[in-house]
Amino acid sequence: MRRTDEGTAMGLQATAVGLGIGAMIWAGHTHAMEKMRADRAAREQAAYDAAVAGNIARLEGIARTALRDLGMAHAEIDRLKRALALRQSYIDRQRAAA
């Protein structure tokens, strides 16, 4: 078996150390990128949830206003029906008297 000289052995050891350090840096970078993606997704979800909650609150206000306006319209219709019934009964009495 051939024996390697000291320079080759040192070069191989330095290469091994460099590959080990590179692997650790790569693993750390990959972990950091995954954490950044997860944080970004969490921020986007929080922004979406806030937007939806804001839209729900605004839509609830619109619905309340529409319901109030609908109630007022029904009250007006009922008032007009009563007024029409009174006028019609007056007209019927006038016709009966004539």
N, C-alpha and C. Protein backbone atom coordinates (compact mmCIF):
# COMPACT_ATOMS: atom_id res chain seq x y z
N MET A 1 0.83 -1.17 0.00
CA MET A 1 0.00 0.00 0.00
C MET A 1 0.88 1.24 0.00
N ARG A 2 0.41 2.18 -0.73
CA ARG A 2 1.19 3.40 -0.88
C ARG A 2 0.89 4.39 0.22
N ARG A 3 1.87 4.96 0.73
CA ARG A 3 1.70 5.94 1.78
C ARG A 3 1.69 7.34 1.18
N THR A 4 0.68 8.19 1.64
CA THR A 4 0.60 9.54 1.10
C THR A 4 1.56 10.45 1.85
N ASP A 5 2.04 11.42 1.18
CA ASP A 5 2.95 12.34 1.84
C ASP A 5 2.16 13.32 2.71
N GLU A 6 2.85 14.08 3.50
CA GLU A 6 2.21 14.98 4.47
C GLU A 6 1.38 16.07 3.79
N GLY A 7 1.80 16.59 2.70
CA GLY A 7 1.07 17.64 1.99
C GLY A 7 -0.27 17.15 1.48
N THR A 8 -0.27 15.93 0.93
CA THR A 8 -1.52 15.36 0.43
C THR A 8 -2.47 15.09 1.60
N ALA A 9 -1.92 14.55 2.68
CA ALA A 9 -2.76 14.27 3.85
C ALA A 9 -3.36 15.55 4.40
N MET A 10 -2.55 16.59 4.48
CA MET A 10 -3.07 17.87 4.97
C MET A 10 -4.12 18.43 4.02
N GLY A 11 -3.90 18.31 2.74
CA GLY A 11 -4.87 18.80 1.77
C GLY A 11 -6.19 18.07 1.88
N LEU A 12 -6.10 16.73 2.06
CA LEU A 12 -7.34 15.95 2.22
C LEU A 12 -8.07 16.31 3.51
N GLN A 13 -7.30 16.52 4.56
CA GLN A 13 -7.92 16.92 5.83
C GLN A 13 -8.57 18.29 5.71
N ALA A 14 -7.90 19.22 5.06
CA ALA A 14 -8.47 20.56 4.87
C ALA A 14 -9.74 20.49 4.02
N THR A 15 -9.72 19.62 3.01
CA THR A 15 -10.90 19.44 2.17
C THR A 15 -12.05 18.88 2.99
N ALA A 16 -11.75 17.91 3.83
CA ALA A 16 -12.79 17.31 4.67
C ALA A 16 -13.36 18.34 5.63
N VAL A 17 -12.50 19.13 6.23
CA VAL A 17 -12.96 20.18 7.15
C VAL A 17 -13.80 21.19 6.38
N GLY A 18 -13.33 21.58 5.19
CA GLY A 18 -14.08 22.54 4.38
C GLY A 18 -15.44 22.00 3.98
N LEU A 19 -15.50 20.72 3.60
CA LEU A 19 -16.79 20.12 3.25
C LEU A 19 -17.72 20.06 4.45
N GLY A 20 -17.16 19.76 5.62
CA GLY A 20 -17.97 19.72 6.85
C GLY A 20 -18.54 21.08 7.18
N ILE A 21 -17.68 22.10 7.09
CA ILE A 21 -18.13 23.47 7.36
C ILE A 21 -19.17 23.89 6.32
N GLY A 22 -18.92 23.56 5.05
CA GLY A 22 -19.88 23.89 3.99
C GLY A 22 -21.23 23.22 4.22
N ALA A 23 -21.19 21.95 4.66
CA ALA A 23 -22.44 21.24 4.93
C ALA A 23 -23.19 21.89 6.09
N MET A 24 -22.45 22.31 7.11
CA MET A 24 -23.12 22.97 8.24
C MET A 24 -23.71 24.32 7.82
N ILE A 25 -22.97 25.06 7.01
CA ILE A 25 -23.49 26.35 6.53
C ILE A 25 -24.73 26.13 5.67
N TRP A 26 -24.67 25.14 4.78
CA TRP A 26 -25.81 24.84 3.91
C TRP A 26 -27.03 24.44 4.73
N ALA A 27 -26.83 23.57 5.74
CA ALA A 27 -27.94 23.14 6.59
C ALA A 27 -28.52 24.33 7.36
N GLY A 28 -27.65 25.19 7.88
CA GLY A 28 -28.13 26.37 8.60
C GLY A 28 -28.89 27.32 7.68
N HIS A 29 -28.38 27.51 6.48
CA HIS A 29 -29.05 28.38 5.52
C HIS A 29 -30.42 27.81 5.14
N THR A 30 -30.47 26.51 4.90
CA THR A 30 -31.74 25.87 4.55
C THR A 30 -32.75 26.02 5.69
N HIS A 31 -32.29 25.81 6.91
CA HIS A 31 -33.19 25.97 8.06
C HIS A 31 -33.67 27.41 8.19
N ALA A 32 -32.76 28.37 7.99
CA ALA A 32 -33.14 29.78 8.09
C ALA A 32 -34.14 30.15 6.99
N MET A 33 -33.95 29.64 5.78
CA MET A 33 -34.88 29.95 4.68
C MET A 33 -36.26 29.35 4.95
N GLU A 34 -36.29 28.13 5.49
CA GLU A 34 -37.58 27.52 5.84
C GLU A 34 -38.28 28.33 6.92
N LYS A 35 -37.52 28.81 7.90
CA LYS A 35 -38.12 29.63 8.96
C LYS A 35 -38.64 30.94 8.38
N MET A 36 -37.88 31.55 7.45
CA MET A 36 -38.34 32.79 6.81
C MET A 36 -39.64 32.54 6.04
N ARG A 37 -39.71 31.42 5.31
CA ARG A 37 -40.93 31.11 4.57
C ARG A 37 -42.11 30.92 5.51
N ALA A 38 -41.87 30.21 6.62
CA ALA A 38 -42.94 29.98 7.59
C ALA A 38 -43.39 31.30 8.22
N ASP A 39 -42.42 32.17 8.55
CA ASP A 39 -42.77 33.48 9.13
C ASP A 39 -43.55 34.33 8.13
N ARG A 40 -43.12 34.32 6.86
CA ARG A 40 -43.82 35.08 5.83
C ARG A 40 -45.25 34.55 5.66
N ALA A 41 -45.38 33.22 5.64
CA ALA A 41 -46.72 32.64 5.51
C ALA A 41 -47.59 33.02 6.70
N ALA A 42 -47.01 33.03 7.90
CA ALA A 42 -47.77 33.42 9.10
C ALA A 42 -48.19 34.89 9.02
N ARG A 43 -47.28 35.77 8.55
CA ARG A 43 -47.63 37.19 8.40
C ARG A 43 -48.73 37.37 7.36
N GLU A 44 -48.62 36.66 6.23
CA GLU A 44 -49.64 36.78 5.20
C GLU A 44 -50.99 36.27 5.70
N GLN A 45 -50.97 35.17 6.46
CA GLN A 45 -52.22 34.64 7.02
C GLN A 45 -52.82 35.63 8.02
N ALA A 46 -51.97 36.24 8.84
CA ALA A 46 -52.45 37.23 9.81
C ALA A 46 -53.05 38.44 9.09
N ALA A 47 -52.39 38.88 8.01
CA ALA A 47 -52.93 40.01 7.24
C ALA A 47 -54.26 39.63 6.60
N TYR A 48 -54.35 38.41 6.07
CA TYR A 48 -55.60 37.95 5.46
C TYR A 48 -56.70 37.88 6.50
N ASP A 49 -56.38 37.31 7.67
CA ASP A 49 -57.39 37.21 8.74
C ASP A 49 -57.85 38.59 9.18
N ALA A 50 -56.93 39.54 9.27
CA ALA A 50 -57.31 40.91 9.66
C ALA A 50 -58.19 41.54 8.60
N ALA A 51 -57.85 41.31 7.33
CA ALA A 51 -58.67 41.87 6.24
C ALA A 51 -60.06 41.26 6.25
N VAL A 52 -60.13 39.96 6.46
CA VAL A 52 -61.44 39.29 6.50
C VAL A 52 -62.25 39.80 7.68
N ALA A 53 -61.60 39.94 8.84
CA ALA A 53 -62.30 40.44 10.02
C ALA A 53 -62.79 41.86 9.77
N GLY A 54 -61.98 42.68 9.12
CA GLY A 54 -62.40 44.04 8.80
C GLY A 54 -63.56 44.05 7.83
N ASN A 55 -63.52 43.18 6.83
CA ASN A 55 -64.62 43.09 5.88
C ASN A 55 -65.88 42.61 6.55
N ILE A 56 -65.75 41.66 7.47
CA ILE A 56 -66.93 41.15 8.17
C ILE A 56 -67.57 42.27 8.98
N ALA A 57 -66.74 43.05 9.67
CA ALA A 57 -67.29 44.16 10.46
C ALA A 57 -67.99 45.17 9.56
N ARG A 58 -67.37 45.49 8.41
CA ARG A 58 -67.98 46.45 7.49
C ARG A 58 -69.28 45.89 6.92
N LEU A 59 -69.26 44.59 6.55
CA LEU A 59 -70.47 43.98 6.01
C LEU A 59 -71.58 43.90 7.06
N GLU A 60 -71.20 43.65 8.31
CA GLU A 60 -72.22 43.65 9.37
C GLU A 60 -72.87 45.02 9.48
N GLY A 61 -72.08 46.08 9.39
CA GLY A 61 -72.64 47.44 9.44
C GLY A 61 -73.58 47.70 8.28
N ILE A 62 -73.18 47.26 7.09
CA ILE A 62 -74.04 47.43 5.91
C ILE A 62 -75.33 46.66 6.09
N ALA A 63 -75.23 45.43 6.61
CA ALA A 63 -76.42 44.61 6.81
C ALA A 63 -77.35 45.24 7.83
N ARG A 64 -76.78 45.79 8.92
CA ARG A 64 -77.63 46.45 9.92
C ARG A 64 -78.36 47.65 9.32
N THR A 65 -77.64 48.44 8.53
CA THR A 65 -78.24 49.60 7.90
C THR A 65 -79.35 49.17 6.94
N ALA A 66 -79.07 48.14 6.14
CA ALA A 66 -80.08 47.66 5.19
C ALA A 66 -81.31 47.12 5.93
N LEU A 67 -81.09 46.41 7.03
CA LEU A 67 -82.21 45.88 7.80
C LEU A 67 -83.04 47.01 8.41
N ARG A 68 -82.36 48.04 8.92
CA ARG A 68 -83.08 49.19 9.49
C ARG A 68 -83.89 49.89 8.40
N ASP A 69 -83.28 50.09 7.23
CA ASP A 69 -83.98 50.75 6.12
C ASP A 69 -85.16 49.90 5.64
N LEU A 70 -84.98 48.58 5.63
CA LEU A 70 -86.08 47.70 5.22
C LEU A 70 -87.24 47.79 6.22
N GLY A 71 -86.91 47.83 7.50
CA GLY A 71 -87.95 47.98 8.52
C GLY A 71 -88.69 49.30 8.38
N MET A 72 -87.94 50.36 8.09
CA MET A 72 -88.59 51.66 7.89
C MET A 72 -89.47 51.64 6.64
N ALA A 73 -89.03 50.97 5.59
CA ALA A 73 -89.83 50.89 4.37
C ALA A 73 -91.11 50.12 4.62
N HIS A 74 -91.02 49.00 5.37
CA HIS A 74 -92.23 48.24 5.69
C HIS A 74 -93.20 49.07 6.54
N ALA A 75 -92.68 49.84 7.48
CA ALA A 75 -93.54 50.69 8.30
C ALA A 75 -94.23 51.74 7.42
N GLU A 76 -93.49 52.32 6.48
CA GLU A 76 -94.08 53.31 5.56
C GLU A 76 -95.16 52.68 4.70
N ILE A 77 -94.90 51.46 4.22
CA ILE A 77 -95.90 50.76 3.40
C ILE A 77 -97.16 50.49 4.21
N ASP A 78 -96.99 50.04 5.45
CA ASP A 78 -98.16 49.79 6.31
C ASP A 78 -98.94 51.09 6.55
N ARG A 79 -98.22 52.19 6.79
CA ARG A 79 -98.89 53.47 7.01
C ARG A 79 -99.67 53.89 5.76
N LEU A 80 -99.06 53.73 4.59
CA LEU A 80 -99.75 54.09 3.34
C LEU A 80 -100.96 53.20 3.08
N LYS A 81 -100.85 51.92 3.43
CA LYS A 81 -102.01 51.01 3.25
C LYS A 81 -103.17 51.46 4.15
N ARG A 82 -102.85 51.84 5.40
CA ARG A 82 -103.92 52.31 6.29
C ARG A 82 -104.54 53.59 5.76
N ALA A 83 -103.71 54.52 5.27
CA ALA A 83 -104.23 55.77 4.72
C ALA A 83 -105.09 55.50 3.49
N LEU A 84 -104.65 54.58 2.64
CA LEU A 84 -105.43 54.24 1.46
C LEU A 84 -106.76 53.60 1.85
N ALA A 85 -106.75 52.74 2.85
CA ALA A 85 -108.00 52.12 3.30
C ALA A 85 -108.95 53.18 3.85
N LEU A 86 -108.44 54.16 4.61
CA LEU A 86 -109.29 55.24 5.14
C LEU A 86 -109.87 56.09 4.00
N ARG A 87 -109.06 56.42 3.03
CA ARG A 87 -109.56 57.23 1.91
C ARG A 87 -110.59 56.45 1.09
N GLN A 88 -110.32 55.17 0.90
CA GLN A 88 -111.26 54.36 0.13
C GLN A 88 -112.59 54.25 0.87
N SER A 89 -112.54 54.11 2.18
CA SER A 89 -113.80 54.04 2.94
C SER A 89 -114.53 55.38 2.88
N TYR A 90 -113.79 56.50 2.88
CA TYR A 90 -114.41 57.83 2.73
C TYR A 90 -115.08 57.94 1.36
N ILE A 91 -114.37 57.50 0.32
CA ILE A 91 -114.95 57.56 -1.04
C ILE A 91 -116.19 56.67 -1.12
N ASP A 92 -116.11 55.49 -0.52
CA ASP A 92 -117.29 54.59 -0.54
C ASP A 92 -118.46 55.22 0.20
N ARG A 93 -118.22 55.91 1.31
CA ARG A 93 -119.31 56.57 2.04
C ARG A 93 -119.90 57.70 1.22
N GLN A 94 -119.02 58.46 0.55
CA GLN A 94 -119.51 59.56 -0.29
C GLN A 94 -120.37 59.03 -1.43
N ARG A 95 -119.99 57.92 -2.05
CA ARG A 95 -120.76 57.33 -3.13
C ARG A 95 -122.10 56.81 -2.63
N ALA A 96 -122.07 56.22 -1.43
CA ALA A 96 -123.30 55.67 -0.87
C ALA A 96 -124.27 56.80 -0.52
N ALA A 97 -123.73 57.94 -0.10
CA ALA A 97 -124.58 59.06 0.28
C ALA A 97 -125.15 59.76 -0.96
N ALA A 98 -124.49 59.63 -2.09
CA ALA A 98 -124.93 60.36 -3.30
C ALA A 98 -126.05 59.71 -4.00
